[in-house]
PDB file of N, CA and C in Angstrom:
ATOM      1  N   MET A   1      63.992-182.736  80.531  1.00  0.00           N
ATOM      2  CA  MET A   1      64.209-181.689  79.404  1.00  0.00           C
ATOM      3  C   MET A   1      65.455-180.749  79.870  1.00  0.00           C
ATOM      4  N   LEU A   2      65.459-180.735  81.072  1.00  0.00           N
ATOM      5  CA  LEU A   2      66.622-179.968  81.390  1.00  0.00           C
ATOM      6  C   LEU A   2      68.040-180.329  80.878  1.00  0.00           C
ATOM      7  N   ASP A   3      68.204-181.619  80.759  1.00  0.00           N
ATOM      8  CA  ASP A   3      69.355-182.188  80.271  1.00  0.00           C
ATOM      9  C   ASP A   3      69.597-182.067  78.804  1.00  0.00           C
ATOM     10  N   PHE A   4      68.401-182.315  78.121  1.00  0.00           N
ATOM     11  CA  PHE A   4      68.339-182.213  76.763  1.00  0.00           C
ATOM     12  C   PHE A   4      68.813-180.568  76.422  1.00  0.00           C
ATOM     13  N   MET A   5      68.172-179.751  77.298  1.00  0.00           N
ATOM     14  CA  MET A   5      68.491-178.270  76.638  1.00  0.00           C
ATOM     15  C   MET A   5      69.799-177.960  77.211  1.00  0.00           C
ATOM     16  N   GLY A   6      70.385-178.631  78.148  1.00  0.00           N
ATOM     17  CA  GLY A   6      71.643-178.345  78.613  1.00  0.00           C
ATOM     18  C   GLY A   6      72.657-178.700  77.812  1.00  0.00           C
ATOM     19  N   LEU A   7      72.498-180.045  77.204  1.00  0.00           N
ATOM     20  CA  LEU A   7      73.534-180.550  76.075  1.00  0.00           C
ATOM     21  C   LEU A   7      73.273-179.943  74.820  1.00  0.00           C
ATOM     22  N   PHE A   8      72.132-179.636  74.543  1.00  0.00           N
ATOM     23  CA  PHE A   8      71.888-178.903  73.427  1.00  0.00           C
ATOM     24  C   PHE A   8      72.844-177.623  73.315  1.00  0.00           C
ATOM     25  N   TYR A   9      72.679-176.768  74.332  1.00  0.00           N
ATOM     26  CA  TYR A   9      73.206-175.591  74.343  1.00  0.00           C
ATOM     27  C   TYR A   9      74.789-175.827  74.343  1.00  0.00           C
ATOM     28  N   ILE A  10      75.291-176.751  75.176  1.00  0.00           N
ATOM     29  CA  ILE A  10      76.768-177.079  75.282  1.00  0.00           C
ATOM     30  C   ILE A  10      77.248-177.245  73.770  1.00  0.00           C
ATOM     31  N   VAL A  11      76.710-178.366  73.104  1.00  0.00           N
ATOM     32  CA  VAL A  11      77.016-178.895  71.837  1.00  0.00           C
ATOM     33  C   VAL A  11      76.975-177.730  70.785  1.00  0.00           C
ATOM     34  N   PHE A  12      75.968-177.201  70.814  1.00  0.00           N
ATOM     35  CA  PHE A  12      76.004-175.961  69.712  1.00  0.00           C
ATOM     36  C   PHE A  12      76.831-174.747  70.079  1.00  0.00           C
ATOM     37  N   SER A  13      77.151-174.486  71.541  1.00  0.00           N
ATOM     38  CA  SER A  13      78.312-173.590  71.677  1.00  0.00           C
ATOM     39  C   SER A  13      79.740-173.986  71.293  1.00  0.00           C
ATOM     40  N   PHE A  14      79.888-175.089  71.503  1.00  0.00           N
ATOM     41  CA  PHE A  14      81.203-175.852  70.965  1.00  0.00           C
ATOM     42  C   PHE A  14      81.203-175.479  69.491  1.00  0.00           C
ATOM     43  N   PHE A  15      80.500-175.826  68.697  1.00  0.00           N
ATOM     44  CA  PHE A  15      80.614-175.424  67.188  1.00  0.00           C
ATOM     45  C   PHE A  15      80.876-174.033  66.955  1.00  0.00           C
ATOM     46  N   LYS A  16      79.743-173.276  67.652  1.00  0.00           N
ATOM     47  CA  LYS A  16      80.195-171.725  67.476  1.00  0.00           C
ATOM     48  C   LYS A  16      81.563-171.255  68.007  1.00  0.00           C
ATOM     49  N   LEU A  17      81.977-171.887  68.854  1.00  0.00           N
ATOM     50  CA  LEU A  17      83.378-171.651  69.445  1.00  0.00           C
ATOM     51  C   LEU A  17      84.670-172.055  68.506  1.00  0.00           C
ATOM     52  N   LEU A  18      84.430-172.898  67.649  1.00  0.00           N
ATOM     53  CA  LEU A  18      85.430-173.404  66.942  1.00  0.00           C
ATOM     54  C   LEU A  18      85.840-172.402  65.904  1.00  0.00           C
ATOM     55  N   ASP A  19      84.994-171.476  65.665  1.00  0.00           N
ATOM     56  CA  ASP A  19      85.328-170.330  64.673  1.00  0.00           C
ATOM     57  C   ASP A  19      84.650-169.107  65.138  1.00  0.00           C
ATOM     58  N   LEU A  20      85.312-168.703  66.256  1.00  0.00           N
ATOM     59  CA  LEU A  20      84.747-167.346  67.046  1.00  0.00           C
ATOM     60  C   LEU A  20      84.752-166.300  66.272  1.00  0.00           C
ATOM     61  N   LYS A  21      85.957-166.076  65.360  1.00  0.00           N
ATOM     62  CA  LYS A  21      86.110-164.976  64.592  1.00  0.00           C
ATOM     63  C   LYS A  21      85.091-164.693  63.376  1.00  0.00           C
ATOM     64  N   GLY A  22      84.690-166.068  63.022  1.00  0.00           N
ATOM     65  CA  GLY A  22      83.847-166.015  61.921  1.00  0.00           C
ATOM     66  C   GLY A  22      82.165-165.987  62.251  1.00  0.00           C
ATOM     67  N   PHE A  23      81.651-166.693  63.315  1.00  0.00           N
ATOM     68  CA  PHE A  23      80.539-166.741  63.817  1.00  0.00           C
ATOM     69  C   PHE A  23      79.832-165.385  63.886  1.00  0.00           C
ATOM     70  N   PRO A  24      80.281-164.410  64.537  1.00  0.00           N
ATOM     71  CA  PRO A  24      79.486-163.090  64.623  1.00  0.00           C
ATOM     72  C   PRO A  24      78.941-162.561  63.365  1.00  0.00           C
ATOM     73  N   GLU A  25      79.876-162.446  62.272  1.00  0.00           N
ATOM     74  CA  GLU A  25      79.323-162.019  60.973  1.00  0.00           C
ATOM     75  C   GLU A  25      78.107-162.912  60.439  1.00  0.00           C
ATOM     76  N   SER A  26      78.446-164.494  60.497  1.00  0.00           N
ATOM     77  CA  SER A  26      77.236-165.249  60.042  1.00  0.00           C
ATOM     78  C   SER A  26      76.058-165.103  60.839  1.00  0.00           C
ATOM     79  N   PHE A  27      76.196-165.056  62.064  1.00  0.00           N
ATOM     80  CA  PHE A  27      75.202-164.830  62.932  1.00  0.00           C
ATOM     81  C   PHE A  27      74.499-163.465  62.703  1.00  0.00           C
ATOM     82  N   SER A  28      74.923-162.183  62.416  1.00  0.00           N
ATOM     83  CA  SER A  28      74.425-161.018  62.281  1.00  0.00           C
ATOM     84  C   SER A  28      73.675-160.911  60.960  1.00  0.00           C
ATOM     85  N   MET A  29      73.955-162.082  60.110  1.00  0.00           N
ATOM     86  CA  MET A  29      73.130-162.073  58.939  1.00  0.00           C
ATOM     87  C   MET A  29      71.303-162.201  58.985  1.00  0.00           C
ATOM     88  N   TYR A  30      70.961-162.983  60.276  1.00  0.00           N
ATOM     89  CA  TYR A  30      69.831-163.119  60.707  1.00  0.00           C
ATOM     90  C   TYR A  30      69.227-162.821  61.994  1.00  0.00           C
ATOM     91  N   ASP A  31      70.316-162.765  62.818  1.00  0.00           N
ATOM     92  CA  ASP A  31      69.663-162.392  64.154  1.00  0.00           C
ATOM     93  C   ASP A  31      69.463-160.821  64.403  1.00  0.00           C
ATOM     94  N   PRO A  32      68.462-160.226  64.568  1.00  0.00           N
ATOM     95  CA  PRO A  32      68.154-158.869  64.621  1.00  0.00           C
ATOM     96  C   PRO A  32      69.296-158.288  65.795  1.00  0.00           C
ATOM     97  N   LEU A  33      69.294-158.893  66.983  1.00  0.00           N
ATOM     98  CA  LEU A  33      70.232-157.947  67.796  1.00  0.00           C
ATOM     99  C   LEU A  33      71.398-158.067  67.386  1.00  0.00           C
ATOM    100  N   ALA A  34      72.023-159.200  67.011  1.00  0.00           N
ATOM    101  CA  ALA A  34      73.390-158.997  66.564  1.00  0.00           C
ATOM    102  C   ALA A  34      73.592-158.188  65.468  1.00  0.00           C
ATOM    103  N   LYS A  35      72.525-157.848  64.570  1.00  0.00           N
ATOM    104  CA  LYS A  35      72.569-156.778  63.388  1.00  0.00           C
ATOM    105  C   LYS A  35      72.752-155.564  64.238  1.00  0.00           C
ATOM    106  N   ILE A  36      72.043-155.237  65.146  1.00  0.00           N
ATOM    107  CA  ILE A  36      72.064-154.025  66.029  1.00  0.00           C
ATOM    108  C   ILE A  36      73.327-153.765  66.944  1.00  0.00           C
ATOM    109  N   ILE A  37      73.760-154.796  67.522  1.00  0.00           N
ATOM    110  CA  ILE A  37      74.671-154.719  68.566  1.00  0.00           C
ATOM    111  C   ILE A  37      75.719-156.066  68.230  1.00  0.00           C
ATOM    112  N   PRO A  38      76.749-155.823  67.513  1.00  0.00           N
ATOM    113  CA  PRO A  38      77.631-156.649  67.015  1.00  0.00           C
ATOM    114  C   PRO A  38      78.265-157.499  67.933  1.00  0.00           C
ATOM    115  N   ALA A  39      78.750-156.861  69.273  1.00  0.00           N
ATOM    116  CA  ALA A  39      79.364-157.407  70.201  1.00  0.00           C
ATOM    117  C   ALA A  39      78.544-158.540  70.710  1.00  0.00           C
ATOM    118  N   TYR A  40      77.115-158.663  70.615  1.00  0.00           N
ATOM    119  CA  TYR A  40      76.156-159.573  71.067  1.00  0.00           C
ATOM    120  C   TYR A  40      76.613-161.164  70.034  1.00  0.00           C
ATOM    121  N   GLY A  41      77.045-160.882  68.855  1.00  0.00           N
ATOM    122  CA  GLY A  41      77.493-162.022  68.050  1.00  0.00           C
ATOM    123  C   GLY A  41      78.917-162.655  68.654  1.00  0.00           C
ATOM    124  N   TRP A  42      79.694-161.795  69.170  1.00  0.00           N
ATOM    125  CA  TRP A  42      80.694-162.371  70.026  1.00  0.00           C
ATOM    126  C   TRP A  42      80.659-163.064  71.280  1.00  0.00           C
ATOM    127  N   VAL A  43      79.670-162.637  72.201  1.00  0.00           N
ATOM    128  CA  VAL A  43      79.265-163.152  73.421  1.00  0.00           C
ATOM    129  C   VAL A  43      78.279-164.456  73.252  1.00  0.00           C
ATOM    130  N   TYR A  44      77.487-164.442  72.317  1.00  0.00           N
ATOM    131  CA  TYR A  44      76.344-165.510  72.117  1.00  0.00           C
ATOM    132  C   TYR A  44      76.933-166.885  72.356  1.00  0.00           C
ATOM    133  N   PRO A  45      78.004-167.087  71.864  1.00  0.00           N
ATOM    134  CA  PRO A  45      78.513-168.679  71.969  1.00  0.00           C
ATOM    135  C   PRO A  45      78.794-168.900  73.544  1.00  0.00           C
ATOM    136  N   PHE A  46      79.403-168.041  74.324  1.00  0.00           N
ATOM    137  CA  PHE A  46      79.353-167.935  75.723  1.00  0.00           C
ATOM    138  C   PHE A  46      78.120-167.872  76.679  1.00  0.00           C
ATOM    139  N   ILE A  47      77.055-167.216  76.179  1.00  0.00           N
ATOM    140  CA  ILE A  47      75.700-167.237  76.597  1.00  0.00           C
ATOM    141  C   ILE A  47      75.355-168.661  76.740  1.00  0.00           C
ATOM    142  N   GLU A  48      75.358-169.138  75.486  1.00  0.00           N
ATOM    143  CA  GLU A  48      74.748-170.642  75.040  1.00  0.00           C
ATOM    144  C   GLU A  48      75.642-171.781  76.160  1.00  0.00           C
ATOM    145  N   LEU A  49      77.010-171.469  76.234  1.00  0.00           N
ATOM    146  CA  LEU A  49      77.574-172.409  77.204  1.00  0.00           C
ATOM    147  C   LEU A  49      77.241-172.160  78.604  1.00  0.00           C
ATOM    148  N   ALA A  50      77.020-170.982  78.993  1.00  0.00           N
ATOM    149  CA  ALA A  50      76.678-170.784  80.315  1.00  0.00           C
ATOM    150  C   ALA A  50      75.329-171.215  80.757  1.00  0.00           C
ATOM    151  N   LEU A  51      74.369-171.178  79.590  1.00  0.00           N
ATOM    152  CA  LEU A  51      72.873-171.587  79.863  1.00  0.00           C
ATOM    153  C   LEU A  51      73.081-173.031  79.912  1.00  0.00           C
ATOM    154  N   GLY A  52      73.782-173.677  79.177  1.00  0.00           N
ATOM    155  CA  GLY A  52      74.009-175.286  79.100  1.00  0.00           C
ATOM    156  C   GLY A  52      74.490-175.830  80.413  1.00  0.00           C
ATOM    157  N   LEU A  53      75.606-175.082  80.747  1.00  0.00           N
ATOM    158  CA  LEU A  53      76.016-175.598  82.031  1.00  0.00           C
ATOM    159  C   LEU A  53      75.199-175.206  83.216  1.00  0.00           C
ATOM    160  N   MET A  54      74.277-174.113  82.998  1.00  0.00           N
ATOM    161  CA  MET A  54      73.578-174.087  84.313  1.00  0.00           C
ATOM    162  C   MET A  54      72.197-174.889  84.242  1.00  0.00           C
ATOM    163  N   PHE A  55      71.761-175.451  83.010  1.00  0.00           N
ATOM    164  CA  PHE A  55      70.618-176.308  83.172  1.00  0.00           C
ATOM    165  C   PHE A  55      71.291-177.491  83.577  1.00  0.00           C
ATOM    166  N   LEU A  56      72.473-177.935  83.226  1.00  0.00           N
ATOM    167  CA  LEU A  56      72.859-179.358  83.657  1.00  0.00           C
ATOM    168  C   LEU A  56      73.193-179.395  85.160  1.00  0.00           C
ATOM    169  N   MET A  57      73.563-178.184  85.821  1.00  0.00           N
ATOM    170  CA  MET A  57      73.834-177.875  87.392  1.00  0.00           C
ATOM    171  C   MET A  57      72.617-177.647  87.954  1.00  0.00           C
ATOM    172  N   ARG A  58      71.484-177.325  87.052  1.00  0.00           N
ATOM    173  CA  ARG A  58      70.413-176.966  87.858  1.00  0.00           C
ATOM    174  C   ARG A  58      70.223-175.620  88.810  1.00  0.00           C
ATOM    175  N   VAL A  59      70.972-175.062  88.059  1.00  0.00           N
ATOM    176  CA  VAL A  59      71.356-173.351  88.685  1.00  0.00           C
ATOM    177  C   VAL A  59      70.518-172.460  88.236  1.00  0.00           C
ATOM    178  N   GLU A  60      69.647-171.666  89.073  1.00  0.00           N
ATOM    179  CA  GLU A  60      68.608-170.712  88.780  1.00  0.00           C
ATOM    180  C   GLU A  60      67.818-170.956  87.342  1.00  0.00           C
ATOM    181  N   ILE A  61      67.428-172.085  87.549  1.00  0.00           N
ATOM    182  CA  ILE A  61      66.546-172.674  86.457  1.00  0.00           C
ATOM    183  C   ILE A  61      65.439-171.740  85.858  1.00  0.00           C
ATOM    184  N   THR A  62      64.637-170.968  86.804  1.00  0.00           N
ATOM    185  CA  THR A  62      63.780-170.116  86.048  1.00  0.00           C
ATOM    186  C   THR A  62      64.284-169.112  85.299  1.00  0.00           C
ATOM    187  N   ALA A  63      65.400-168.415  86.008  1.00  0.00           N
ATOM    188  CA  ALA A  63      65.885-167.241  85.258  1.00  0.00           C
ATOM    189  C   ALA A  63      66.697-167.897  84.002  1.00  0.00           C
ATOM    190  N   VAL A  64      67.010-169.174  83.747  1.00  0.00           N
ATOM    191  CA  VAL A  64      67.678-169.704  82.604  1.00  0.00           C
ATOM    192  C   VAL A  64      66.574-169.951  81.614  1.00  0.00           C
ATOM    193  N   LEU A  65      65.547-170.395  82.119  1.00  0.00           N
ATOM    194  CA  LEU A  65      64.462-170.509  81.053  1.00  0.00           C
ATOM    195  C   LEU A  65      63.775-169.248  80.439  1.00  0.00           C
ATOM    196  N   ILE A  66      63.618-168.177  81.375  1.00  0.00           N
ATOM    197  CA  ILE A  66      63.418-166.724  80.978  1.00  0.00           C
ATOM    198  C   ILE A  66      64.431-166.280  79.711  1.00  0.00           C
ATOM    199  N   ILE A  67      65.846-166.368  80.108  1.00  0.00           N
ATOM    200  CA  ILE A  67      66.799-165.945  79.188  1.00  0.00           C
ATOM    201  C   ILE A  67      66.681-166.729  77.906  1.00  0.00           C
ATOM    202  N   THR A  68      66.372-168.187  78.010  1.00  0.00           N
ATOM    203  CA  THR A  68      66.135-168.848  76.911  1.00  0.00           C
ATOM    204  C   THR A  68      64.992-168.499  75.815  1.00  0.00           C
ATOM    205  N   LEU A  69      63.930-167.966  76.438  1.00  0.00           N
ATOM    206  CA  LEU A  69      62.947-167.747  75.686  1.00  0.00           C
ATOM    207  C   LEU A  69      63.355-166.176  75.157  1.00  0.00           C
ATOM    208  N   VAL A  70      63.736-165.283  75.706  1.00  0.00           N
ATOM    209  CA  VAL A  70      64.368-164.175  75.062  1.00  0.00           C
ATOM    210  C   VAL A  70      65.179-164.526  73.841  1.00  0.00           C
ATOM    211  N   ILE A  71      66.292-164.809  74.149  1.00  0.00           N
ATOM    212  CA  ILE A  71      67.147-164.996  72.979  1.00  0.00           C
ATOM    213  C   ILE A  71      67.033-165.868  72.017  1.00  0.00           C
ATOM    214  N   LEU A  72      66.275-167.229  72.243  1.00  0.00           N
ATOM    215  CA  LEU A  72      65.469-167.706  71.248  1.00  0.00           C
ATOM    216  C   LEU A  72      64.571-167.034  70.539  1.00  0.00           C
ATOM    217  N   GLY A  73      63.813-166.348  71.294  1.00  0.00           N
ATOM    218  CA  GLY A  73      62.663-165.722  70.620  1.00  0.00           C
ATOM    219  C   GLY A  73      63.165-164.531  69.566  1.00  0.00           C
ATOM    220  N   ILE A  74      64.118-163.873  69.899  1.00  0.00           N
ATOM    221  CA  ILE A  74      64.668-163.029  69.127  1.00  0.00           C
ATOM    222  C   ILE A  74      65.447-163.517  67.924  1.00  0.00           C
ATOM    223  N   THR A  75      66.279-164.773  68.095  1.00  0.00           N
ATOM    224  CA  THR A  75      66.864-165.365  67.023  1.00  0.00           C
ATOM    225  C   THR A  75      65.624-165.888  65.960  1.00  0.00           C
ATOM    226  N   THR A  76      64.372-166.584  66.636  1.00  0.00           N
ATOM    227  CA  THR A  76      63.502-166.955  65.847  1.00  0.00           C
ATOM    228  C   THR A  76      62.925-166.106  65.124  1.00  0.00           C
ATOM    229  N   ILE A  77      62.755-164.900  65.459  1.00  0.00           N
ATOM    230  CA  ILE A  77      62.108-163.625  64.628  1.00  0.00           C
ATOM    231  C   ILE A  77      63.156-163.704  63.419  1.00  0.00           C
ATOM    232  N   GLY A  78      64.424-163.457  63.533  1.00  0.00           N
ATOM    233  CA  GLY A  78      65.184-163.417  62.564  1.00  0.00           C
ATOM    234  C   GLY A  78      65.328-164.531  61.458  1.00  0.00           C
ATOM    235  N   VAL A  79      65.221-165.675  62.083  1.00  0.00           N
ATOM    236  CA  VAL A  79      65.126-166.967  61.202  1.00  0.00           C
ATOM    237  C   VAL A  79      63.670-167.103  60.543  1.00  0.00           C
ATOM    238  N   THR A  80      62.718-166.303  60.976  1.00  0.00           N
ATOM    239  CA  THR A  80      61.507-166.445  60.219  1.00  0.00           C
ATOM    240  C   THR A  80      61.472-165.534  59.045  1.00  0.00           C
ATOM    241  N   ARG A  81      62.110-164.234  59.453  1.00  0.00           N
ATOM    242  CA  ARG A  81      62.075-163.223  58.383  1.00  0.00           C
ATOM    243  C   ARG A  81      63.002-164.099  57.353  1.00  0.00           C
ATOM    244  N   THR A  82      63.978-164.471  57.637  1.00  0.00           N
ATOM    245  CA  THR A  82      64.776-164.792  56.568  1.00  0.00           C
ATOM    246  C   THR A  82      64.258-166.037  55.605  1.00  0.00           C
ATOM    247  N   LEU A  83      63.546-166.968  56.385  1.00  0.00           N
ATOM    248  CA  LEU A  83      62.744-167.757  55.788  1.00  0.00           C
ATOM    249  C   LEU A  83      61.793-167.540  54.703  1.00  0.00           C
ATOM    250  N   LEU A  84      60.927-166.437  55.456  1.00  0.00           N
ATOM    251  CA  LEU A  84      59.821-165.721  54.626  1.00  0.00           C
ATOM    252  C   LEU A  84      60.297-164.847  53.642  1.00  0.00           C
ATOM    253  N   ASN A  85      61.495-164.582  53.415  1.00  0.00           N
ATOM    254  CA  ASN A  85      62.105-163.764  52.494  1.00  0.00           C
ATOM    255  C   ASN A  85      62.826-164.831  51.442  1.00  0.00           C
ATOM    256  N   LYS A  86      62.947-165.889  51.887  1.00  0.00           N
ATOM    257  CA  LYS A  86      63.496-166.851  51.019  1.00  0.00           C
ATOM    258  C   LYS A  86      64.789-166.733  50.506  1.00  0.00           C
ATOM    259  N   LYS A  87      65.613-165.946  51.599  1.00  0.00           N
ATOM    260  CA  LYS A  87      66.900-165.853  51.387  1.00  0.00           C
ATOM    261  C   LYS A  87      67.640-166.928  51.768  1.00  0.00           C
ATOM    262  N   ALA A  88      68.752-167.212  50.826  1.00  0.00           N
ATOM    263  CA  ALA A  88      69.648-168.301  50.952  1.00  0.00           C
ATOM    264  C   ALA A  88      70.905-167.936  51.759  1.00  0.00           C
ATOM    265  N   ILE A  89      70.928-168.148  52.910  1.00  0.00           N
ATOM    266  CA  ILE A  89      72.120-167.911  53.805  1.00  0.00           C
ATOM    267  C   ILE A  89      72.414-169.070  54.469  1.00  0.00           C
ATOM    268  N   GLN A  90      73.848-169.101  55.239  1.00  0.00           N
ATOM    269  CA  GLN A  90      74.272-170.061  55.938  1.00  0.00           C
ATOM    270  C   GLN A  90      73.740-169.979  57.367  1.00  0.00           C
ATOM    271  N   CYS A  91      73.337-171.065  57.771  1.00  0.00           N
ATOM    272  CA  CYS A  91      72.608-170.946  59.231  1.00  0.00           C
ATOM    273  C   CYS A  91      74.078-171.082  60.389  1.00  0.00           C
ATOM    274  N   ALA A  92      74.142-170.261  61.122  1.00  0.00           N
ATOM    275  CA  ALA A  92      75.198-170.275  61.982  1.00  0.00           C
ATOM    276  C   ALA A  92      74.868-171.081  63.388  1.00  0.00           C
ATOM    277  N   CYS A  93      73.906-171.799  63.361  1.00  0.00           N
ATOM    278  CA  CYS A  93      73.468-172.344  64.545  1.00  0.00           C
ATOM    279  C   CYS A  93      74.462-173.541  64.858  1.00  0.00           C
ATOM    280  N   LEU A  94      75.304-174.187  64.007  1.00  0.00           N
ATOM    281  CA  LEU A  94      76.282-174.922  64.139  1.00  0.00           C
ATOM    282  C   LEU A  94      77.536-174.177  64.017  1.00  0.00           C
ATOM    283  N   GLY A  95      77.831-172.891  64.153  1.00  0.00           N
ATOM    284  CA  GLY A  95      78.862-172.096  63.909  1.00  0.00           C
ATOM    285  C   GLY A  95      78.967-172.175  62.362  1.00  0.00           C
ATOM    286  N   THR A  96      80.218-171.805  62.124  1.00  0.00           N
ATOM    287  CA  THR A  96      80.666-171.664  60.732  1.00  0.00           C
ATOM    288  C   THR A  96      81.675-172.907  60.173  1.00  0.00           C
ATOM    289  N   ALA A  97      81.818-173.671  61.131  1.00  0.00           N
ATOM    290  CA  ALA A  97      82.822-174.798  60.674  1.00  0.00           C
ATOM    291  C   ALA A  97      81.837-175.914  59.804  1.00  0.00           C
ATOM    292  N   LEU A  98      80.732-175.894  60.059  1.00  0.00           N
ATOM    293  CA  LEU A  98      79.929-176.697  59.220  1.00  0.00           C
ATOM    294  C   LEU A  98      78.854-175.707  58.500  1.00  0.00           C
ATOM    295  N   LYS A  99      79.111-175.997  56.923  1.00  0.00           N
ATOM    296  CA  LYS A  99      78.232-175.216  56.129  1.00  0.00           C
ATOM    297  C   LYS A  99      77.057-175.577  55.640  1.00  0.00           C
ATOM    298  N   LEU A 100      76.120-175.182  56.571  1.00  0.00           N
ATOM    299  CA  LEU A 100      74.454-175.587  56.610  1.00  0.00           C
ATOM    300  C   LEU A 100      73.707-174.543  56.048  1.00  0.00           C
ATOM    301  N   PRO A 101      72.834-174.803  54.960  1.00  0.00           N
ATOM    302  CA  PRO A 101      71.900-173.651  54.750  1.00  0.00           C
ATOM    303  C   PRO A 101      70.831-173.456  55.900  1.00  0.00           C
ATOM    304  N   MET A 102      70.220-172.377  55.753  1.00  0.00           N
ATOM    305  CA  MET A 102      69.275-172.140  56.925  1.00  0.00           C
ATOM    306  C   MET A 102      67.816-172.807  56.124  1.00  0.00           C
ATOM    307  N   THR A 103      67.234-173.650  56.806  1.00  0.00           N
ATOM    308  CA  THR A 103      65.908-174.022  56.380  1.00  0.00           C
ATOM    309  C   THR A 103      64.929-174.101  57.599  1.00  0.00           C
ATOM    310  N   GLU A 104      63.797-174.498  57.348  1.00  0.00           N
ATOM    311  CA  GLU A 104      62.784-174.852  58.233  1.00  0.00           C
ATOM    312  C   GLU A 104      63.287-175.469  59.339  1.00  0.00           C
ATOM    313  N   ALA A 105      64.299-176.364  59.254  1.00  0.00           N
ATOM    314  CA  ALA A 105      64.806-177.068  60.661  1.00  0.00           C
ATOM    315  C   ALA A 105      65.120-176.158  61.638  1.00  0.00           C
ATOM    316  N   THR A 106      65.847-175.158  61.140  1.00  0.00           N
ATOM    317  CA  THR A 106      66.400-174.135  62.000  1.00  0.00           C
ATOM    318  C   THR A 106      65.246-173.727  62.948  1.00  0.00           C
ATOM    319  N   PHE A 107      63.902-173.298  62.162  1.00  0.00           N
ATOM    320  CA  PHE A 107      63.007-172.691  62.997  1.00  0.00           C
ATOM    321  C   PHE A 107      62.367-173.840  63.793  1.00  0.00           C
ATOM    322  N   ILE A 108      62.198-175.064  63.435  1.00  0.00           N
ATOM    323  CA  ILE A 108      61.762-176.091  64.109  1.00  0.00           C
ATOM    324  C   ILE A 108      62.532-176.176  65.582  1.00  0.00           C
ATOM    325  N   GLU A 109      64.068-176.497  65.405  1.00  0.00           N
ATOM    326  CA  GLU A 109      64.574-176.478  66.463  1.00  0.00           C
ATOM    327  C   GLU A 109      64.387-175.382  67.585  1.00  0.00           C
ATOM    328  N   ASN A 110      64.351-174.094  67.141  1.00  0.00           N
ATOM    329  CA  ASN A 110      64.414-172.962  67.934  1.00  0.00           C
ATOM    330  C   ASN A 110      62.767-173.279  68.511  1.00  0.00           C
ATOM    331  N   ALA A 111      61.849-173.475  67.822  1.00  0.00           N
ATOM    332  CA  ALA A 111      60.502-173.685  68.372  1.00  0.00           C
ATOM    333  C   ALA A 111      60.276-174.669  69.427  1.00  0.00           C
ATOM    334  N   ILE A 112      60.975-175.686  69.183  1.00  0.00           N
ATOM    335  CA  ILE A 112      60.905-176.765  70.021  1.00  0.00           C
ATOM    336  C   ILE A 112      61.614-176.533  71.531  1.00  0.00           C
ATOM    337  N   MET A 113      62.702-175.791  71.342  1.00  0.00           N
ATOM    338  CA  MET A 113      63.361-175.201  72.608  1.00  0.00           C
ATOM    339  C   MET A 113      62.402-174.337  73.463  1.00  0.00           C
ATOM    340  N   ILE A 114      61.837-173.438  72.669  1.00  0.00           N
ATOM    341  CA  ILE A 114      60.906-172.437  73.160  1.00  0.00           C
ATOM    342  C   ILE A 114      59.848-173.022  73.970  1.00  0.00           C
ATOM    343  N   VAL A 115      59.038-173.914  73.251  1.00  0.00           N
ATOM    344  CA  VAL A 115      57.925-174.708  73.681  1.00  0.00           C
ATOM    345  C   VAL A 115      58.429-175.423  74.805  1.00  0.00           C
ATOM    346  N   MET A 116      59.571-176.186  74.896  1.00  0.00           N
ATOM    347  CA  MET A 116      59.882-176.884  76.259  1.00  0.00           C
ATOM    348  C   MET A 116      60.175-175.846  77.506  1.00  0.00           C
ATOM    349  N   ALA A 117      60.811-174.669  76.786  1.00  0.00           N
ATOM    350  CA  ALA A 117      60.983-173.639  78.027  1.00  0.00           C
ATOM    351  C   ALA A 117      59.755-173.206  78.749  1.00  0.00           C
ATOM    352  N   VAL A 118      58.727-173.043  77.888  1.00  0.00           N
ATOM    353  CA  VAL A 118      57.395-172.479  78.170  1.00  0.00           C
ATOM    354  C   VAL A 118      56.720-173.517  79.291  1.00  0.00           C
ATOM    355  N   LEU A 119      56.812-174.881  78.690  1.00  0.00           N
ATOM    356  CA  LEU A 119      56.133-175.848  79.581  1.00  0.00           C
ATOM    357  C   LEU A 119      57.005-175.926  80.892  1.00  0.00           C
ATOM    358  N   MET A 120      58.256-175.837  81.019  1.00  0.00           N
ATOM    359  CA  MET A 120      59.054-176.106  82.216  1.00  0.00           C
ATOM    360  C   MET A 120      58.689-174.930  83.132  1.00  0.00           C
ATOM    361  N   LEU A 121      58.568-173.525  82.589  1.00  0.00           N
ATOM    362  CA  LEU A 121      58.123-172.347  83.246  1.00  0.00           C
ATOM    363  C   LEU A 121      56.638-172.759  84.121  1.00  0.00           C
ATOM    364  N   LEU A 122      55.717-173.109  83.324  1.00  0.00           N
ATOM    365  CA  LEU A 122      54.557-173.445  83.691  1.00  0.00           C
ATOM    366  C   LEU A 122      54.691-174.413  84.867  1.00  0.00           C
ATOM    367  N   ASN A 123      55.531-175.363  84.758  1.00  0.00           N
ATOM    368  CA  ASN A 123      55.539-176.443  85.814  1.00  0.00           C
ATOM    369  C   ASN A 123      56.154-176.008  86.954  1.00  0.00           C
ATOM    370  N   LEU A 124      56.879-174.782  86.888  1.00  0.00           N
ATOM    371  CA  LEU A 124      57.668-174.297  87.990  1.00  0.00           C
ATOM    372  C   LEU A 124      56.773-173.405  88.675  1.00  0.00           C
ATOM    373  N   VAL A 125      55.757-172.775  88.153  1.00  0.00           N
ATOM    374  CA  VAL A 125      54.834-171.815  88.871  1.00  0.00           C
ATOM    375  C   VAL A 125      53.842-172.647  89.710  1.00  0.00           C
TER     376      VAL A 125
END
């Protein structure tokens, strides 16, 4: 699971970094923290990249899992609100290079990562 989560973060951060200028605006359309703190949208791809590398290198796994729960929890709240309000927006999960609509798949991806992080945290205790 650590390798999966690490690769997931690295691949997704790569797509976000392809259009670092456009990503923050697209991300702030649904992420509550990016709406309040625009700089978070600029930093987010680098956070994902760092988390991915830390998962793969097995560095500070407990901290990385907790950070994963926090950032994906916040984003999932925004995704859920967007889906419940039936807003048709572009998902920034793979950056803006790929024009993907936000669907339930975005929620499912986040939920799977959250469940995996919780399971791994429980196994570490």
